[in-house]
């Protein structure tokens, strides 16, 4: 098990931010209503709101179980993926995932979306393809976790769009990262 090092791993620092921001959202549900991702058309006057919700929606969670599950994924998969790319690469990976998932949500989803599940799926899919290409024995287990979590999005209260497009981003980034690294 990886010790918890928020000063060493960006993914662990993300967990701290998720806990703090989610607790604020738990204390005042209006925070989730304001900063959860929702898109109802573009106009210049909503741009500040759109930017703030794009930045914050992943750090807000609906309940303690939601927060703990996403935190566990990031705790376990985050440092592993971080070790496979530079610190700046990991930051770009996160920002790219955030924007990719937000665009998919804006185009394909209605209502409010919160949580870092999309990024969790990006971590899992990146890890899966990286392990698969090296014929690592854990690749099949990671793939099963990934597929099950994407399918969870079909249950109704979980964002299928966020899960699916987060997973797509992990694959896209892996291909870009491996091609660019050559």
N, C-alpha and C. Protein backbone atom coordinates (compact mmCIF):
# COMPACT_ATOMS: atom_id res chain seq x y z
N UNK A 1 0.84 -1.18 0.00
CA UNK A 1 0.00 0.00 0.00
C UNK A 1 0.89 1.24 0.00
N UNK A 2 0.48 2.23 -0.73
CA UNK A 2 1.22 3.48 -0.86
C UNK A 2 0.88 4.38 0.33
N UNK A 3 1.89 4.88 1.04
CA UNK A 3 1.59 5.84 2.11
C UNK A 3 0.96 7.11 1.53
N UNK A 4 0.27 7.86 2.37
CA UNK A 4 -0.40 9.07 1.92
C UNK A 4 0.58 10.24 2.00
N UNK A 5 0.97 10.75 0.84
CA UNK A 5 1.95 11.84 0.75
C UNK A 5 1.42 12.96 -0.13
N UNK A 6 0.58 13.85 0.41
CA UNK A 6 0.05 14.95 -0.42
C UNK A 6 1.14 15.89 -0.94
N UNK A 7 2.28 15.98 -0.26
CA UNK A 7 3.34 16.85 -0.75
C UNK A 7 4.17 16.19 -1.85
N UNK A 8 4.07 14.87 -1.97
CA UNK A 8 4.85 14.14 -2.97
C UNK A 8 4.03 13.81 -4.22
N UNK A 9 2.79 13.40 -4.03
CA UNK A 9 1.94 12.99 -5.14
C UNK A 9 0.83 14.02 -5.37
N UNK A 10 0.71 14.48 -6.60
CA UNK A 10 -0.38 15.40 -6.93
C UNK A 10 -1.73 14.75 -6.70
N UNK A 11 -1.81 13.46 -6.99
CA UNK A 11 -3.09 12.76 -6.79
C UNK A 11 -3.49 12.76 -5.32
N UNK A 12 -2.53 12.66 -4.42
CA UNK A 12 -2.86 12.70 -3.00
C UNK A 12 -3.26 14.12 -2.58
N UNK A 13 -2.63 15.11 -3.17
CA UNK A 13 -3.04 16.50 -2.90
C UNK A 13 -4.47 16.73 -3.42
N UNK A 14 -4.83 16.08 -4.54
CA UNK A 14 -6.20 16.19 -5.06
C UNK A 14 -7.20 15.63 -4.06
N UNK A 15 -6.83 14.57 -3.38
CA UNK A 15 -7.72 13.97 -2.39
C UNK A 15 -7.98 14.97 -1.26
N UNK A 16 -6.94 15.65 -0.82
CA UNK A 16 -7.10 16.66 0.23
C UNK A 16 -8.06 17.75 -0.26
N UNK A 17 -7.85 18.22 -1.49
CA UNK A 17 -8.73 19.25 -2.04
C UNK A 17 -10.17 18.73 -2.16
N UNK A 18 -10.32 17.47 -2.60
CA UNK A 18 -11.67 16.88 -2.71
C UNK A 18 -12.36 16.85 -1.35
N UNK A 19 -11.64 16.45 -0.31
CA UNK A 19 -12.23 16.36 1.03
C UNK A 19 -12.67 17.75 1.50
N UNK A 20 -11.78 18.73 1.38
CA UNK A 20 -12.10 20.08 1.86
C UNK A 20 -13.29 20.66 1.09
N UNK A 21 -13.24 20.60 -0.23
CA UNK A 21 -14.31 21.19 -1.04
C UNK A 21 -15.61 20.42 -0.86
N UNK A 22 -15.53 19.09 -0.76
CA UNK A 22 -16.75 18.30 -0.55
C UNK A 22 -17.39 18.59 0.80
N UNK A 23 -16.58 18.77 1.83
CA UNK A 23 -17.13 19.10 3.16
C UNK A 23 -17.86 20.44 3.09
N UNK A 24 -17.31 21.38 2.36
CA UNK A 24 -18.00 22.66 2.18
C UNK A 24 -19.34 22.43 1.47
N UNK A 25 -19.32 21.57 0.46
CA UNK A 25 -20.56 21.24 -0.25
C UNK A 25 -21.55 20.48 0.62
N UNK A 26 -21.05 19.60 1.51
CA UNK A 26 -21.94 18.88 2.44
C UNK A 26 -22.60 19.87 3.41
N UNK A 27 -21.83 20.88 3.83
CA UNK A 27 -22.34 21.84 4.80
C UNK A 27 -23.40 22.76 4.19
N UNK A 28 -23.27 23.06 2.92
CA UNK A 28 -24.23 23.93 2.26
C UNK A 28 -24.50 23.39 0.86
N UNK A 29 -25.62 22.70 0.70
CA UNK A 29 -25.94 22.04 -0.56
C UNK A 29 -26.03 23.02 -1.72
N UNK A 30 -26.26 24.29 -1.43
CA UNK A 30 -26.33 25.29 -2.51
C UNK A 30 -25.01 25.36 -3.28
N UNK A 31 -23.90 25.03 -2.62
CA UNK A 31 -22.59 25.03 -3.28
C UNK A 31 -22.61 24.04 -4.45
N UNK A 32 -23.20 22.87 -4.22
CA UNK A 32 -23.29 21.86 -5.28
C UNK A 32 -24.19 22.38 -6.41
N UNK A 33 -25.28 23.03 -6.07
CA UNK A 33 -26.18 23.58 -7.08
C UNK A 33 -25.49 24.66 -7.92
N UNK A 34 -24.64 25.44 -7.28
CA UNK A 34 -23.96 26.54 -7.97
C UNK A 34 -22.76 26.05 -8.77
N UNK A 35 -21.94 25.19 -8.16
CA UNK A 35 -20.67 24.82 -8.77
C UNK A 35 -20.63 23.42 -9.37
N UNK A 36 -21.71 22.65 -9.24
CA UNK A 36 -21.79 21.39 -9.97
C UNK A 36 -21.86 21.71 -11.45
N UNK A 37 -21.34 20.84 -12.30
CA UNK A 37 -21.32 21.15 -13.73
C UNK A 37 -22.71 21.00 -14.32
N UNK A 38 -23.17 22.06 -14.95
CA UNK A 38 -24.43 22.05 -15.68
C UNK A 38 -24.29 23.04 -16.83
N UNK A 39 -24.85 22.68 -17.94
CA UNK A 39 -24.73 23.52 -19.13
C UNK A 39 -26.10 23.65 -19.77
N UNK A 40 -26.55 24.85 -19.93
CA UNK A 40 -27.86 25.07 -20.53
C UNK A 40 -27.78 26.05 -21.69
N UNK A 41 -26.66 26.05 -22.36
CA UNK A 41 -26.47 26.96 -23.48
C UNK A 41 -25.41 27.99 -23.15
N UNK A 42 -24.79 28.50 -24.18
CA UNK A 42 -23.70 29.44 -23.97
C UNK A 42 -24.15 30.87 -24.22
N UNK A 43 -23.71 31.73 -23.33
CA UNK A 43 -23.84 33.18 -23.52
C UNK A 43 -22.71 33.82 -22.73
N UNK A 44 -22.25 34.98 -23.15
CA UNK A 44 -21.10 35.60 -22.47
C UNK A 44 -21.32 35.83 -20.98
N UNK A 45 -22.55 36.12 -20.57
CA UNK A 45 -22.79 36.41 -19.15
C UNK A 45 -22.67 35.18 -18.25
N UNK A 46 -22.79 33.97 -18.81
CA UNK A 46 -22.63 32.77 -17.97
C UNK A 46 -21.21 32.23 -17.97
N UNK A 47 -20.31 32.85 -18.73
CA UNK A 47 -18.93 32.37 -18.83
C UNK A 47 -18.24 32.23 -17.47
N UNK A 48 -18.32 33.21 -16.56
CA UNK A 48 -17.68 33.02 -15.25
C UNK A 48 -18.24 31.81 -14.49
N UNK A 49 -19.54 31.63 -14.55
CA UNK A 49 -20.16 30.49 -13.88
C UNK A 49 -19.73 29.17 -14.52
N UNK A 50 -19.64 29.15 -15.83
CA UNK A 50 -19.22 27.94 -16.55
C UNK A 50 -17.77 27.59 -16.21
N UNK A 51 -16.91 28.58 -16.15
CA UNK A 51 -15.50 28.34 -15.81
C UNK A 51 -15.39 27.83 -14.38
N UNK A 52 -16.07 28.46 -13.44
CA UNK A 52 -15.97 28.02 -12.04
C UNK A 52 -16.54 26.63 -11.84
N UNK A 53 -17.63 26.30 -12.52
CA UNK A 53 -18.17 24.95 -12.36
C UNK A 53 -17.28 23.92 -13.03
N UNK A 54 -16.62 24.28 -14.15
CA UNK A 54 -15.69 23.35 -14.81
C UNK A 54 -14.48 23.08 -13.91
N UNK A 55 -14.05 24.08 -13.18
CA UNK A 55 -12.91 23.90 -12.28
C UNK A 55 -13.32 23.09 -11.04
N UNK A 56 -14.50 23.33 -10.49
CA UNK A 56 -14.87 22.78 -9.19
C UNK A 56 -15.72 21.51 -9.19
N UNK A 57 -16.40 21.19 -10.28
CA UNK A 57 -17.36 20.08 -10.22
C UNK A 57 -16.73 18.76 -9.81
N UNK A 58 -15.50 18.53 -10.19
CA UNK A 58 -14.85 17.27 -9.85
C UNK A 58 -14.50 17.16 -8.37
N UNK A 59 -14.32 18.27 -7.72
CA UNK A 59 -13.93 18.25 -6.31
C UNK A 59 -15.13 18.17 -5.36
N UNK A 60 -16.32 18.38 -5.89
CA UNK A 60 -17.55 18.25 -5.09
C UNK A 60 -18.07 16.83 -5.19
N UNK A 61 -18.63 16.32 -4.12
CA UNK A 61 -19.20 14.97 -4.10
C UNK A 61 -20.55 15.00 -3.40
N UNK A 62 -21.43 14.07 -3.79
CA UNK A 62 -22.79 14.06 -3.28
C UNK A 62 -22.93 13.54 -1.87
N UNK A 63 -22.05 12.64 -1.47
CA UNK A 63 -22.12 12.08 -0.12
C UNK A 63 -20.77 11.48 0.24
N UNK A 64 -20.67 11.00 1.46
CA UNK A 64 -19.41 10.47 1.96
C UNK A 64 -18.95 9.23 1.18
N UNK A 65 -19.86 8.34 0.81
CA UNK A 65 -19.48 7.15 0.04
C UNK A 65 -18.91 7.53 -1.32
N UNK A 66 -19.53 8.49 -1.98
CA UNK A 66 -19.05 8.98 -3.27
C UNK A 66 -17.63 9.53 -3.13
N UNK A 67 -17.43 10.33 -2.11
CA UNK A 67 -16.10 10.91 -1.85
C UNK A 67 -15.08 9.82 -1.56
N UNK A 68 -15.45 8.86 -0.73
CA UNK A 68 -14.51 7.79 -0.35
C UNK A 68 -14.16 6.90 -1.55
N UNK A 69 -15.12 6.58 -2.39
CA UNK A 69 -14.84 5.72 -3.55
C UNK A 69 -13.90 6.42 -4.53
N UNK A 70 -14.19 7.68 -4.84
CA UNK A 70 -13.30 8.41 -5.74
C UNK A 70 -11.93 8.62 -5.11
N UNK A 71 -11.91 8.92 -3.82
CA UNK A 71 -10.63 9.07 -3.12
C UNK A 71 -9.81 7.79 -3.15
N UNK A 72 -10.46 6.65 -2.98
CA UNK A 72 -9.76 5.36 -3.02
C UNK A 72 -9.17 5.10 -4.40
N UNK A 73 -9.94 5.36 -5.46
CA UNK A 73 -9.41 5.19 -6.82
C UNK A 73 -8.18 6.05 -7.03
N UNK A 74 -8.29 7.31 -6.65
CA UNK A 74 -7.18 8.24 -6.87
C UNK A 74 -5.98 7.88 -5.99
N UNK A 75 -6.25 7.46 -4.77
CA UNK A 75 -5.17 7.06 -3.86
C UNK A 75 -4.38 5.90 -4.44
N UNK A 76 -5.07 4.93 -5.03
CA UNK A 76 -4.38 3.75 -5.53
C UNK A 76 -3.82 3.93 -6.94
N UNK A 77 -4.62 4.46 -7.84
CA UNK A 77 -4.19 4.55 -9.24
C UNK A 77 -3.38 5.81 -9.53
N UNK A 78 -3.65 6.89 -8.80
CA UNK A 78 -2.97 8.16 -9.08
C UNK A 78 -1.45 8.08 -9.06
N UNK A 79 -0.84 7.62 -7.95
CA UNK A 79 0.62 7.56 -7.92
C UNK A 79 1.21 6.63 -8.98
N UNK A 80 0.49 5.57 -9.30
CA UNK A 80 0.97 4.65 -10.34
C UNK A 80 1.02 5.33 -11.70
N UNK A 81 -0.02 6.08 -12.02
CA UNK A 81 -0.04 6.81 -13.29
C UNK A 81 0.96 7.96 -13.25
N UNK A 82 1.04 8.65 -12.11
CA UNK A 82 2.02 9.74 -11.98
C UNK A 82 3.44 9.25 -12.24
N UNK A 83 3.75 8.04 -11.79
CA UNK A 83 5.10 7.50 -11.97
C UNK A 83 5.39 7.19 -13.43
N UNK A 84 4.39 7.14 -14.26
CA UNK A 84 4.56 6.81 -15.67
C UNK A 84 4.67 8.06 -16.54
N UNK A 85 4.56 9.23 -15.94
CA UNK A 85 4.69 10.48 -16.69
C UNK A 85 5.31 11.54 -15.78
N UNK A 86 5.68 12.65 -16.35
CA UNK A 86 6.26 13.73 -15.55
C UNK A 86 5.17 14.40 -14.73
N UNK A 87 5.59 15.20 -13.76
CA UNK A 87 4.63 15.97 -12.94
C UNK A 87 3.80 16.90 -13.82
N UNK A 88 4.47 17.59 -14.75
CA UNK A 88 3.76 18.49 -15.66
C UNK A 88 2.83 17.68 -16.57
N UNK A 89 3.27 16.50 -16.99
CA UNK A 89 2.42 15.63 -17.81
C UNK A 89 1.17 15.22 -17.06
N UNK A 90 1.31 14.93 -15.78
CA UNK A 90 0.16 14.53 -14.97
C UNK A 90 -0.81 15.70 -14.82
N UNK A 91 -0.28 16.90 -14.63
CA UNK A 91 -1.14 18.09 -14.53
C UNK A 91 -1.89 18.29 -15.85
N UNK A 92 -1.19 18.15 -16.97
CA UNK A 92 -1.84 18.29 -18.28
C UNK A 92 -2.89 17.20 -18.48
N UNK A 93 -2.57 16.00 -18.04
CA UNK A 93 -3.50 14.87 -18.12
C UNK A 93 -4.79 15.19 -17.36
N UNK A 94 -4.66 15.74 -16.16
CA UNK A 94 -5.82 16.11 -15.35
C UNK A 94 -6.62 17.24 -16.00
N UNK A 95 -5.93 18.28 -16.44
CA UNK A 95 -6.62 19.41 -17.06
C UNK A 95 -7.32 18.96 -18.35
N UNK A 96 -6.62 18.17 -19.15
CA UNK A 96 -7.22 17.65 -20.38
C UNK A 96 -8.44 16.81 -20.09
N UNK A 97 -8.35 15.96 -19.08
CA UNK A 97 -9.49 15.12 -18.68
C UNK A 97 -10.66 15.99 -18.25
N UNK A 98 -10.38 17.00 -17.46
CA UNK A 98 -11.42 17.90 -16.98
C UNK A 98 -12.14 18.55 -18.15
N UNK A 99 -11.39 19.10 -19.09
CA UNK A 99 -12.00 19.79 -20.23
C UNK A 99 -12.73 18.82 -21.15
N UNK A 100 -12.14 17.67 -21.41
CA UNK A 100 -12.74 16.66 -22.29
C UNK A 100 -14.07 16.18 -21.72
N UNK A 101 -14.07 15.86 -20.43
CA UNK A 101 -15.30 15.39 -19.78
C UNK A 101 -16.33 16.52 -19.73
N UNK A 102 -15.90 17.74 -19.44
CA UNK A 102 -16.84 18.87 -19.37
C UNK A 102 -17.50 19.12 -20.72
N UNK A 103 -16.75 19.04 -21.80
CA UNK A 103 -17.33 19.22 -23.14
C UNK A 103 -18.33 18.10 -23.42
N UNK A 104 -17.96 16.87 -23.10
CA UNK A 104 -18.88 15.73 -23.30
C UNK A 104 -20.15 15.92 -22.47
N UNK A 105 -20.00 16.36 -21.23
CA UNK A 105 -21.18 16.61 -20.38
C UNK A 105 -22.05 17.71 -20.97
N UNK A 106 -21.41 18.77 -21.45
CA UNK A 106 -22.16 19.89 -22.02
C UNK A 106 -22.96 19.44 -23.25
N UNK A 107 -22.38 18.57 -24.05
CA UNK A 107 -23.04 18.13 -25.28
C UNK A 107 -24.05 17.01 -25.08
N UNK A 108 -23.78 16.13 -24.09
CA UNK A 108 -24.54 14.89 -24.01
C UNK A 108 -25.30 14.65 -22.71
N UNK A 109 -25.20 15.57 -21.77
CA UNK A 109 -25.81 15.31 -20.47
C UNK A 109 -26.64 16.50 -20.02
N UNK A 110 -27.64 16.23 -19.23
CA UNK A 110 -28.41 17.31 -18.65
C UNK A 110 -28.36 17.16 -17.13
N UNK A 111 -28.72 18.18 -16.44
CA UNK A 111 -28.67 18.12 -14.99
C UNK A 111 -27.29 18.49 -14.47
N UNK A 112 -27.11 18.28 -13.17
CA UNK A 112 -25.86 18.65 -12.51
C UNK A 112 -24.99 17.41 -12.35
N UNK A 113 -23.71 17.55 -12.67
CA UNK A 113 -22.74 16.47 -12.49
C UNK A 113 -21.68 16.93 -11.51
N UNK A 114 -21.36 16.06 -10.54
CA UNK A 114 -20.30 16.34 -9.58
C UNK A 114 -19.47 15.07 -9.40
N UNK A 115 -18.26 15.26 -8.92
CA UNK A 115 -17.40 14.13 -8.58
C UNK A 115 -16.26 13.96 -9.56
N UNK A 116 -15.24 13.24 -9.10
CA UNK A 116 -14.04 13.03 -9.88
C UNK A 116 -14.01 11.66 -10.56
N UNK A 117 -15.17 11.06 -10.73
CA UNK A 117 -15.23 9.73 -11.34
C UNK A 117 -14.69 9.71 -12.76
N UNK A 118 -14.93 10.76 -13.53
CA UNK A 118 -14.40 10.82 -14.89
C UNK A 118 -12.89 10.74 -14.90
N UNK A 119 -12.26 11.47 -13.99
CA UNK A 119 -10.80 11.42 -13.91
C UNK A 119 -10.34 10.05 -13.40
N UNK A 120 -11.10 9.46 -12.49
CA UNK A 120 -10.77 8.10 -12.02
C UNK A 120 -10.77 7.12 -13.18
N UNK A 121 -11.76 7.26 -14.07
CA UNK A 121 -11.83 6.37 -15.24
C UNK A 121 -10.68 6.65 -16.20
N UNK A 122 -10.28 7.91 -16.30
CA UNK A 122 -9.12 8.25 -17.14
C UNK A 122 -7.86 7.58 -16.58
N UNK A 123 -7.70 7.63 -15.26
CA UNK A 123 -6.56 6.95 -14.63
C UNK A 123 -6.58 5.46 -14.92
N UNK A 124 -7.74 4.84 -14.74
CA UNK A 124 -7.85 3.40 -14.95
C UNK A 124 -7.60 3.02 -16.41
N UNK A 125 -8.17 3.77 -17.35
CA UNK A 125 -7.97 3.39 -18.75
C UNK A 125 -6.53 3.61 -19.19
N UNK A 126 -5.91 4.68 -18.70
CA UNK A 126 -4.49 4.91 -19.00
C UNK A 126 -3.65 3.76 -18.45
N UNK A 127 -3.93 3.41 -17.21
CA UNK A 127 -3.18 2.32 -16.58
C UNK A 127 -3.42 1.00 -17.30
N UNK A 128 -4.68 0.75 -17.67
CA UNK A 128 -4.99 -0.50 -18.37
C UNK A 128 -4.22 -0.61 -19.69
N UNK A 129 -4.28 0.42 -20.53
CA UNK A 129 -3.62 0.32 -21.84
C UNK A 129 -2.11 0.23 -21.68
N UNK A 130 -1.57 0.92 -20.69
CA UNK A 130 -0.12 0.85 -20.46
C UNK A 130 0.29 -0.55 -20.01
N UNK A 131 -0.50 -1.16 -19.14
CA UNK A 131 -0.20 -2.53 -18.69
C UNK A 131 -0.47 -3.54 -19.80
N UNK A 132 -1.53 -3.33 -20.56
CA UNK A 132 -1.89 -4.25 -21.64
C UNK A 132 -0.78 -4.33 -22.69
N UNK A 133 -0.21 -3.19 -23.05
CA UNK A 133 0.82 -3.18 -24.10
C UNK A 133 2.11 -3.83 -23.65
N UNK A 134 2.30 -3.98 -22.35
CA UNK A 134 3.50 -4.67 -21.85
C UNK A 134 3.16 -6.10 -21.40
N UNK A 135 1.93 -6.52 -21.68
CA UNK A 135 1.45 -7.87 -21.33
C UNK A 135 1.56 -8.15 -19.83
N UNK A 136 1.29 -7.13 -19.05
CA UNK A 136 1.34 -7.26 -17.59
C UNK A 136 0.13 -8.07 -17.12
N UNK A 137 0.30 -8.98 -16.16
CA UNK A 137 -0.82 -9.81 -15.72
C UNK A 137 -1.96 -9.04 -15.04
N UNK A 138 -1.71 -7.84 -14.55
CA UNK A 138 -2.77 -7.05 -13.90
C UNK A 138 -3.68 -6.35 -14.91
N UNK A 139 -3.31 -6.34 -16.18
CA UNK A 139 -4.09 -5.62 -17.19
C UNK A 139 -5.54 -6.10 -17.23
N UNK A 140 -5.77 -7.40 -17.18
CA UNK A 140 -7.14 -7.91 -17.25
C UNK A 140 -7.96 -7.48 -16.04
N UNK A 141 -7.37 -7.45 -14.86
CA UNK A 141 -8.09 -7.02 -13.66
C UNK A 141 -8.46 -5.54 -13.75
N UNK A 142 -7.54 -4.73 -14.24
CA UNK A 142 -7.80 -3.30 -14.42
C UNK A 142 -8.91 -3.10 -15.44
N UNK A 143 -8.89 -3.89 -16.52
CA UNK A 143 -9.93 -3.78 -17.54
C UNK A 143 -11.30 -4.13 -16.96
N UNK A 144 -11.38 -5.15 -16.16
CA UNK A 144 -12.65 -5.53 -15.54
C UNK A 144 -13.16 -4.40 -14.64
N UNK A 145 -12.27 -3.81 -13.83
CA UNK A 145 -12.66 -2.68 -12.98
C UNK A 145 -13.16 -1.51 -13.83
N UNK A 146 -12.47 -1.25 -14.93
CA UNK A 146 -12.83 -0.15 -15.81
C UNK A 146 -14.21 -0.38 -16.43
N UNK A 147 -14.44 -1.56 -16.99
CA UNK A 147 -15.72 -1.85 -17.63
C UNK A 147 -16.86 -1.80 -16.61
N UNK A 148 -16.66 -2.38 -15.44
CA UNK A 148 -17.70 -2.37 -14.41
C UNK A 148 -18.04 -0.94 -13.99
N UNK A 149 -17.03 -0.11 -13.86
CA UNK A 149 -17.29 1.27 -13.45
C UNK A 149 -17.95 2.09 -14.55
N UNK A 150 -17.64 1.81 -15.79
CA UNK A 150 -18.34 2.49 -16.88
C UNK A 150 -19.80 2.04 -16.88
N UNK A 151 -20.03 0.74 -16.73
CA UNK A 151 -21.40 0.22 -16.71
C UNK A 151 -22.20 0.73 -15.52
N UNK A 152 -21.53 1.03 -14.41
CA UNK A 152 -22.22 1.63 -13.26
C UNK A 152 -22.93 2.92 -13.66
N UNK A 153 -22.37 3.59 -14.65
CA UNK A 153 -22.97 4.83 -15.14
C UNK A 153 -24.35 4.64 -15.73
N UNK A 154 -24.70 3.41 -16.05
CA UNK A 154 -26.03 3.14 -16.59
C UNK A 154 -27.08 2.98 -15.50
N UNK A 155 -26.66 3.03 -14.23
CA UNK A 155 -27.58 2.80 -13.12
C UNK A 155 -28.53 3.96 -12.86
N UNK A 156 -28.24 5.12 -13.36
CA UNK A 156 -29.16 6.24 -13.20
C UNK A 156 -28.61 7.41 -12.42
N UNK A 157 -28.06 7.19 -11.22
CA UNK A 157 -27.56 8.29 -10.40
C UNK A 157 -26.08 8.57 -10.63
N UNK A 158 -25.46 7.81 -11.49
CA UNK A 158 -24.03 7.96 -11.77
C UNK A 158 -23.89 8.39 -13.22
N UNK A 159 -22.97 9.30 -13.48
CA UNK A 159 -22.83 9.86 -14.82
C UNK A 159 -22.15 8.89 -15.78
N UNK A 160 -22.94 8.29 -16.64
CA UNK A 160 -22.37 7.43 -17.68
C UNK A 160 -21.47 8.25 -18.59
N UNK A 161 -21.91 9.45 -18.95
CA UNK A 161 -21.11 10.31 -19.83
C UNK A 161 -19.77 10.63 -19.18
N UNK A 162 -19.78 10.99 -17.89
CA UNK A 162 -18.53 11.28 -17.19
C UNK A 162 -17.62 10.08 -17.12
N UNK A 163 -18.16 8.92 -16.78
CA UNK A 163 -17.35 7.70 -16.70
C UNK A 163 -16.81 7.32 -18.08
N UNK A 164 -17.67 7.26 -19.07
CA UNK A 164 -17.27 6.81 -20.40
C UNK A 164 -16.22 7.73 -21.02
N UNK A 165 -16.50 9.03 -21.00
CA UNK A 165 -15.58 9.95 -21.65
C UNK A 165 -14.30 10.15 -20.84
N UNK A 166 -14.36 9.95 -19.53
CA UNK A 166 -13.12 9.92 -18.75
C UNK A 166 -12.25 8.76 -19.21
N UNK A 167 -12.86 7.59 -19.40
CA UNK A 167 -12.11 6.42 -19.88
C UNK A 167 -11.55 6.66 -21.27
N UNK A 168 -12.34 7.28 -22.13
CA UNK A 168 -11.85 7.59 -23.49
C UNK A 168 -10.64 8.52 -23.40
N UNK A 169 -10.71 9.52 -22.51
CA UNK A 169 -9.59 10.46 -22.37
C UNK A 169 -8.30 9.72 -21.97
N UNK A 170 -8.39 8.78 -21.05
CA UNK A 170 -7.20 8.03 -20.65
C UNK A 170 -6.54 7.34 -21.83
N UNK A 171 -7.34 6.77 -22.72
CA UNK A 171 -6.81 6.10 -23.91
C UNK A 171 -6.21 7.10 -24.90
N UNK A 172 -6.93 8.21 -25.09
CA UNK A 172 -6.45 9.25 -26.00
C UNK A 172 -5.12 9.81 -25.49
N UNK A 173 -5.06 10.11 -24.20
CA UNK A 173 -3.83 10.68 -23.64
C UNK A 173 -2.68 9.69 -23.73
N UNK A 174 -2.94 8.41 -23.45
CA UNK A 174 -1.89 7.40 -23.54
C UNK A 174 -1.32 7.37 -24.96
N UNK A 175 -2.19 7.36 -25.96
CA UNK A 175 -1.74 7.33 -27.36
C UNK A 175 -0.93 8.59 -27.67
N UNK A 176 -1.44 9.74 -27.24
CA UNK A 176 -0.72 11.00 -27.46
C UNK A 176 0.62 10.98 -26.74
N UNK A 177 0.62 10.56 -25.50
CA UNK A 177 1.83 10.54 -24.67
C UNK A 177 2.88 9.60 -25.25
N UNK A 178 2.47 8.43 -25.67
CA UNK A 178 3.41 7.46 -26.23
C UNK A 178 3.93 7.90 -27.59
N UNK A 179 3.07 8.50 -28.41
CA UNK A 179 3.49 8.98 -29.72
C UNK A 179 4.42 10.18 -29.58
N UNK A 180 4.08 11.11 -28.69
CA UNK A 180 4.85 12.33 -28.50
C UNK A 180 6.20 12.03 -27.86
N UNK A 181 6.24 11.01 -27.00
CA UNK A 181 7.47 10.68 -26.26
C UNK A 181 8.56 10.13 -27.18
N UNK A 182 8.17 9.56 -28.32
CA UNK A 182 9.15 8.96 -29.24
C UNK A 182 10.06 9.95 -29.86
